[in-house]
Amino acid sequence: MIQVVATIAEIRERIGQARRMDKRIGFVPTMGYLHAGHLSLVEAARRCSDIVVMSIFVNPLQFGPQEDFSRYPRDFERDRALAESAGVDLLFAPTVEEMYPQKILTTVSVAQVAEPLCGRSRPGHFEGVATVVAKLFHIIQPDFAFFGQKDAQQLAVIQRMVQDLSIPVTIVPCPIVREADGLAMSSRNVYLSAEERKQATVLYRSLERAKHLLAAGERRAAVIRKELKQMIEAEPLAVIDYVEVVHYPSMREATELNKGDQVLVALAVKFGRTRLIDNLISTIQ
């Protein structure tokens, strides 16, 4: 049966008990409103961990002043039931006051990797992400931590933070989980109207087009960006934030792609008030 813990002191005590029994700890950090993408992370954690810990914490540090912190969907009882059915052993669900009892003065900033793409569109976002993840790593001290590749830039930021700060955790990237029509699963999908939801499938279709172009030998990043923009702009409700092709995980802008390069084709598009992201990671053959 799942154990729900709300305080840092108690989760540390529970983790300490597991450590004394030589248990391997797998950690799945989330902001809740769970979907099949989150549950796939739990499944991956169960394969290589003895104890699976999930956190549910909507982190105010990663929301800008005009963003949807207050609107972010929350349903704790639903999340608890889903986490339990998926096999989570410990659910850490702290309040904002528990995580930040006073104004936080110490933050973690990952330069360069965090600056383009969503970092440019959402100033301070990745500083908030890196800070809360670093704090959670210190609290939980997991052996493994599981992150979805849908948030590819976030994944790159966390991997670089772990490398630079010598945090003793193995980061495990997990594949994007999609709806039947290709839309990447996201807690924010619930905001979409029926027509917005229909048009949002252009993100997946455009990434499939990028995959085809790369397979056909297209090596000019500008050509790929232009074609994807045209596809997305054909949907009347789509407002592009960015369409980018960058080297991964450095996030450096790509121009000519060469054999062996690992590239990220990344999209951020708004439909109404809802901003969706999606991506494709590919190694040039």
Protein backbone atom coordinates (compact mmCIF):
# COMPACT_ATOMS: atom_id res chain seq x y z
CA MET A 1 0.00 0.00 0.00
CA ILE A 2 1.27 3.46 -0.88
CA GLN A 3 2.54 5.66 1.94
CA VAL A 4 1.84 9.41 1.65
CA VAL A 5 4.38 11.72 3.29
CA ALA A 6 4.09 15.50 3.54
CA THR A 7 7.21 16.60 5.42
CA ILE A 8 10.91 16.57 4.59
CA ALA A 9 11.75 15.06 7.98
CA GLU A 10 9.38 12.13 7.49
CA ILE A 11 10.41 11.33 3.90
CA ARG A 12 14.05 11.34 5.02
CA GLU A 13 13.19 8.93 7.82
CA ARG A 14 11.37 6.58 5.42
CA ILE A 15 14.22 6.72 2.90
CA GLY A 16 16.71 6.10 5.71
CA GLN A 17 14.83 2.95 6.69
CA ALA A 18 15.01 1.70 3.10
CA ARG A 19 18.72 2.55 2.88
CA ARG A 20 19.48 0.55 6.02
CA MET A 21 17.94 -2.44 4.22
CA ASP A 22 20.19 -1.79 1.17
CA LYS A 23 17.21 -0.88 -1.01
CA ARG A 24 17.79 0.93 -4.31
CA ILE A 25 15.71 4.10 -4.56
CA GLY A 26 14.06 5.15 -7.84
CA PHE A 27 12.61 8.67 -7.94
CA VAL A 28 9.91 10.12 -10.21
CA PRO A 29 9.46 13.88 -9.65
CA THR A 30 6.14 15.29 -10.93
CA MET A 31 3.82 18.27 -10.57
CA GLY A 32 0.84 15.95 -10.36
CA TYR A 33 -2.28 15.66 -12.50
CA LEU A 34 -0.83 12.34 -13.58
CA HIS A 35 -1.26 10.76 -17.00
CA ALA A 36 0.11 7.71 -18.81
CA GLY A 37 3.41 9.51 -19.44
CA HIS A 38 4.06 9.82 -15.70
CA LEU A 39 2.99 6.22 -15.14
CA SER A 40 5.49 5.05 -17.77
CA LEU A 41 8.21 6.65 -15.64
CA VAL A 42 6.98 4.67 -12.64
CA GLU A 43 7.08 1.49 -14.74
CA ALA A 44 10.70 2.25 -15.71
CA ALA A 45 11.55 2.96 -12.07
CA ARG A 46 10.08 -0.34 -10.93
CA ARG A 47 12.34 -2.23 -13.33
CA CYS A 48 15.57 -1.09 -11.66
CA SER A 49 14.59 0.02 -8.16
CA ASP A 50 13.48 -1.66 -4.95
CA ILE A 51 11.57 1.37 -3.67
CA VAL A 52 9.80 3.83 -5.99
CA VAL A 53 9.35 7.36 -4.67
CA MET A 54 7.16 9.89 -6.48
CA SER A 55 6.91 13.55 -5.59
CA ILE A 56 3.89 15.71 -6.37
CA PHE A 57 4.75 19.37 -6.01
CA VAL A 58 3.61 22.27 -8.18
CA ASN A 59 6.75 24.36 -7.95
CA PRO A 60 6.07 28.11 -7.93
CA LEU A 61 9.70 28.95 -8.75
CA GLN A 62 9.34 27.72 -12.34
CA PHE A 63 6.25 29.79 -13.21
CA GLY A 64 6.56 33.32 -14.54
CA PRO A 65 4.29 36.17 -13.36
CA GLN A 66 1.93 35.77 -16.35
CA GLU A 67 1.93 31.94 -16.29
CA ASP A 68 -0.53 29.38 -15.02
CA PHE A 69 0.61 28.48 -11.49
CA SER A 70 -2.84 29.11 -9.99
CA ARG A 71 -4.58 27.44 -12.96
CA TYR A 72 -2.30 24.41 -13.09
CA PRO A 73 -4.57 21.35 -12.77
CA ARG A 74 -4.57 19.63 -9.39
CA ASP A 75 -6.43 16.53 -8.18
CA PHE A 76 -4.52 14.90 -5.36
CA GLU A 77 -6.90 12.02 -4.61
CA ARG A 78 -6.95 11.02 -8.27
CA ASP A 79 -3.14 11.24 -8.39
CA ARG A 80 -2.75 9.18 -5.22
CA ALA A 81 -4.95 6.41 -6.62
CA LEU A 82 -3.08 6.38 -9.94
CA ALA A 83 0.31 6.37 -8.23
CA GLU A 84 -0.75 3.48 -5.98
CA SER A 85 -2.10 1.43 -8.89
CA ALA A 86 1.16 2.01 -10.80
CA GLY A 87 3.26 0.68 -7.92
CA VAL A 88 4.60 3.80 -6.20
CA ASP A 89 5.75 2.94 -2.66
CA LEU A 90 6.27 6.42 -1.22
CA LEU A 91 4.41 9.56 -2.34
CA PHE A 92 6.06 12.80 -1.19
CA ALA A 93 3.51 15.61 -1.37
CA PRO A 94 4.86 18.67 0.46
CA THR A 95 3.20 22.07 0.64
CA VAL A 96 4.89 25.18 -0.73
CA GLU A 97 5.51 26.24 2.88
CA GLU A 98 7.26 22.93 3.61
CA MET A 99 9.56 23.25 0.60
CA TYR A 100 10.14 27.01 0.92
CA PRO A 101 9.55 28.05 4.55
CA GLN A 102 11.18 31.40 3.85
CA LYS A 103 12.04 33.36 0.73
CA ILE A 104 14.61 31.28 -1.10
CA LEU A 105 17.93 33.06 -1.65
CA THR A 106 19.91 30.14 -3.08
CA THR A 107 19.11 29.03 -6.62
CA VAL A 108 20.70 26.79 -9.24
CA SER A 109 21.36 28.17 -12.72
CA VAL A 110 22.64 26.07 -15.63
CA ALA A 111 24.10 28.46 -18.21
CA GLN A 112 23.97 27.95 -22.00
CA VAL A 113 21.89 24.76 -21.94
CA ALA A 114 19.01 26.60 -20.23
CA GLU A 115 19.23 29.81 -22.26
CA PRO A 116 17.70 29.10 -25.72
CA LEU A 117 14.24 27.71 -26.63
CA CYS A 118 12.01 27.63 -23.51
CA GLY A 119 14.70 29.48 -21.56
CA ARG A 120 14.36 32.41 -23.94
CA SER A 121 10.55 32.30 -23.91
CA ARG A 122 10.22 31.72 -20.16
CA PRO A 123 12.98 33.64 -18.33
CA GLY A 124 13.81 32.07 -14.98
CA HIS A 125 11.90 28.87 -15.72
CA PHE A 126 14.86 26.51 -15.78
CA GLU A 127 16.44 28.16 -12.76
CA GLY A 128 13.25 27.25 -10.91
CA VAL A 129 13.33 23.71 -12.30
CA ALA A 130 17.00 23.14 -11.48
CA THR A 131 16.59 24.56 -7.98
CA VAL A 132 13.62 22.39 -7.02
CA VAL A 133 15.12 19.25 -8.59
CA ALA A 134 18.43 19.82 -6.79
CA LYS A 135 16.50 20.27 -3.53
CA LEU A 136 14.46 17.11 -4.14
CA PHE A 137 17.63 15.15 -4.94
CA HIS A 138 19.14 16.27 -1.63
CA ILE A 139 15.97 15.30 0.24
CA ILE A 140 15.35 11.92 -1.45
CA GLN A 141 18.96 10.99 -2.34
CA PRO A 142 17.81 8.55 -5.03
CA ASP A 143 19.97 6.08 -6.92
CA PHE A 144 17.98 6.69 -10.11
CA ALA A 145 15.73 9.55 -11.26
CA PHE A 146 13.36 9.25 -14.22
CA PHE A 147 12.46 12.06 -16.63
CA GLY A 148 10.41 12.08 -19.83
CA GLN A 149 12.02 13.14 -23.10
CA LYS A 150 9.02 15.33 -23.96
CA ASP A 151 10.74 17.96 -21.82
CA ALA A 152 14.02 17.44 -23.66
CA GLN A 153 15.60 20.75 -22.68
CA GLN A 154 14.65 20.19 -19.04
CA LEU A 155 16.27 16.76 -19.26
CA ALA A 156 19.46 18.28 -20.69
CA VAL A 157 19.51 20.95 -17.95
CA ILE A 158 19.14 18.36 -15.20
CA GLN A 159 21.77 16.05 -16.72
CA ARG A 160 24.25 18.93 -16.90
CA MET A 161 23.45 20.05 -13.35
CA VAL A 162 24.05 16.51 -12.05
CA GLN A 163 27.37 16.32 -13.94
CA ASP A 164 28.60 19.76 -12.90
CA LEU A 165 27.64 19.40 -9.22
CA SER A 166 28.67 15.72 -8.91
CA ILE A 167 25.24 14.73 -7.59
CA PRO A 168 25.33 10.94 -7.10
CA VAL A 169 22.21 10.02 -9.06
CA THR A 170 21.75 8.27 -12.41
CA ILE A 171 19.36 10.18 -14.68
CA VAL A 172 17.20 7.81 -16.76
CA PRO A 173 15.58 9.39 -19.86
CA CYS A 174 12.24 7.82 -20.83
CA PRO A 175 10.46 7.97 -24.22
CA ILE A 176 7.59 10.35 -25.00
CA VAL A 177 4.16 8.79 -24.45
CA ARG A 178 1.56 9.86 -27.01
CA GLU A 179 -2.18 9.74 -27.53
CA ALA A 180 -3.49 7.53 -30.36
CA ASP A 181 -3.38 10.51 -32.76
CA GLY A 182 0.21 11.40 -31.83
CA LEU A 183 -0.35 14.30 -29.43
CA ALA A 184 2.24 14.11 -26.66
CA MET A 185 0.63 13.52 -23.28
CA SER A 186 0.72 16.57 -21.04
CA SER A 187 -1.16 17.74 -17.96
CA ARG A 188 -1.90 20.93 -19.89
CA ASN A 189 -3.85 19.10 -22.63
CA VAL A 190 -6.98 19.40 -20.45
CA TYR A 191 -7.01 23.14 -21.19
CA LEU A 192 -7.56 22.60 -24.93
CA SER A 193 -10.97 23.12 -26.52
CA ALA A 194 -12.18 20.41 -28.91
CA GLU A 195 -11.01 22.37 -31.96
CA GLU A 196 -7.68 23.32 -30.36
CA ARG A 197 -7.14 19.68 -29.44
CA LYS A 198 -7.79 18.64 -33.04
CA GLN A 199 -5.40 21.20 -34.50
CA ALA A 200 -2.70 20.45 -31.91
CA THR A 201 -1.92 17.17 -33.68
CA VAL A 202 0.02 19.29 -36.17
CA LEU A 203 2.93 19.16 -33.72
CA TYR A 204 3.31 15.41 -34.13
CA ARG A 205 2.67 15.57 -37.87
CA SER A 206 5.35 18.21 -38.34
CA LEU A 207 7.86 16.15 -36.32
CA GLU A 208 7.06 13.17 -38.53
CA ARG A 209 7.80 15.43 -41.50
CA ALA A 210 11.14 16.40 -39.93
CA LYS A 211 11.94 12.71 -39.45
CA HIS A 212 11.16 12.08 -43.13
CA LEU A 213 13.32 15.01 -44.27
CA LEU A 214 16.28 13.81 -42.19
CA ALA A 215 15.87 10.25 -43.46
CA ALA A 216 15.78 11.58 -47.04
CA GLY A 217 19.14 13.29 -46.54
CA GLU A 218 18.15 16.90 -45.77
CA ARG A 219 21.02 18.41 -43.78
CA ARG A 220 20.13 22.12 -43.84
CA ALA A 221 18.53 23.06 -40.54
CA ALA A 222 17.00 26.20 -42.04
CA VAL A 223 15.10 24.14 -44.63
CA ILE A 224 13.68 21.88 -41.93
CA ARG A 225 12.67 24.84 -39.76
CA LYS A 226 10.96 26.59 -42.67
CA GLU A 227 8.95 23.56 -43.75
CA LEU A 228 7.78 22.81 -40.22
CA LYS A 229 6.76 26.43 -39.65
CA GLN A 230 4.69 26.36 -42.83
CA MET A 231 2.92 23.20 -41.71
CA ILE A 232 2.11 24.59 -38.27
CA GLU A 233 1.04 28.02 -39.55
CA ALA A 234 -1.51 26.30 -41.79
CA GLU A 235 -3.54 25.57 -38.64
CA PRO A 236 -5.49 28.77 -37.89
CA LEU A 237 -5.42 28.43 -34.09
CA ALA A 238 -1.67 27.73 -33.87
CA VAL A 239 0.61 30.56 -32.69
CA ILE A 240 4.28 29.58 -32.91
CA ASP A 241 6.60 30.38 -30.03
CA TYR A 242 9.55 28.60 -31.66
CA VAL A 243 10.49 25.95 -34.19
CA GLU A 244 14.17 25.11 -33.73
CA VAL A 245 16.82 22.62 -34.76
CA VAL A 246 19.69 22.48 -32.25
CA HIS A 247 22.54 20.20 -31.29
CA TYR A 248 21.64 17.99 -28.34
CA PRO A 249 22.29 18.11 -25.43
CA SER A 250 24.39 21.29 -25.80
CA MET A 251 21.37 23.18 -27.25
CA ARG A 252 23.65 25.05 -29.68
CA GLU A 253 21.86 26.26 -32.81
CA ALA A 254 22.40 23.96 -35.78
CA THR A 255 23.06 25.05 -39.37
CA GLU A 256 24.55 22.21 -41.43
CA LEU A 257 23.99 18.77 -39.94
CA ASN A 258 26.76 16.21 -40.18
CA LYS A 259 26.92 12.45 -39.78
CA GLY A 260 27.00 11.49 -36.10
CA ASP A 261 25.42 14.74 -34.90
CA GLN A 262 22.66 14.31 -32.34
CA VAL A 263 20.02 16.93 -33.00
CA LEU A 264 16.85 18.09 -31.31
CA VAL A 265 13.93 19.32 -33.41
CA ALA A 266 11.94 21.29 -30.85
CA LEU A 267 8.52 22.95 -31.06
CA ALA A 268 6.59 25.27 -28.77
CA VAL A 269 3.18 26.39 -30.02
CA LYS A 270 0.22 28.05 -28.33
CA PHE A 271 -3.37 27.02 -28.98
CA GLY A 272 -5.56 29.58 -27.26
CA ARG A 273 -4.08 30.04 -23.78
CA THR A 274 -2.35 26.66 -23.82
CA ARG A 275 1.33 26.40 -24.69
CA LEU A 276 2.39 22.94 -25.87
CA ILE A 277 5.88 21.60 -26.50
CA ASP A 278 7.05 18.55 -28.42
CA ASN A 279 10.28 17.32 -29.94
CA LEU A 280 12.24 14.78 -31.87
CA ILE A 281 15.77 13.65 -30.95
CA SER A 282 17.67 12.11 -33.86
CA THR A 283 21.22 11.03 -34.64
CA ILE A 284 22.28 11.91 -38.19
CA GLN A 285 23.19 8.79 -40.16
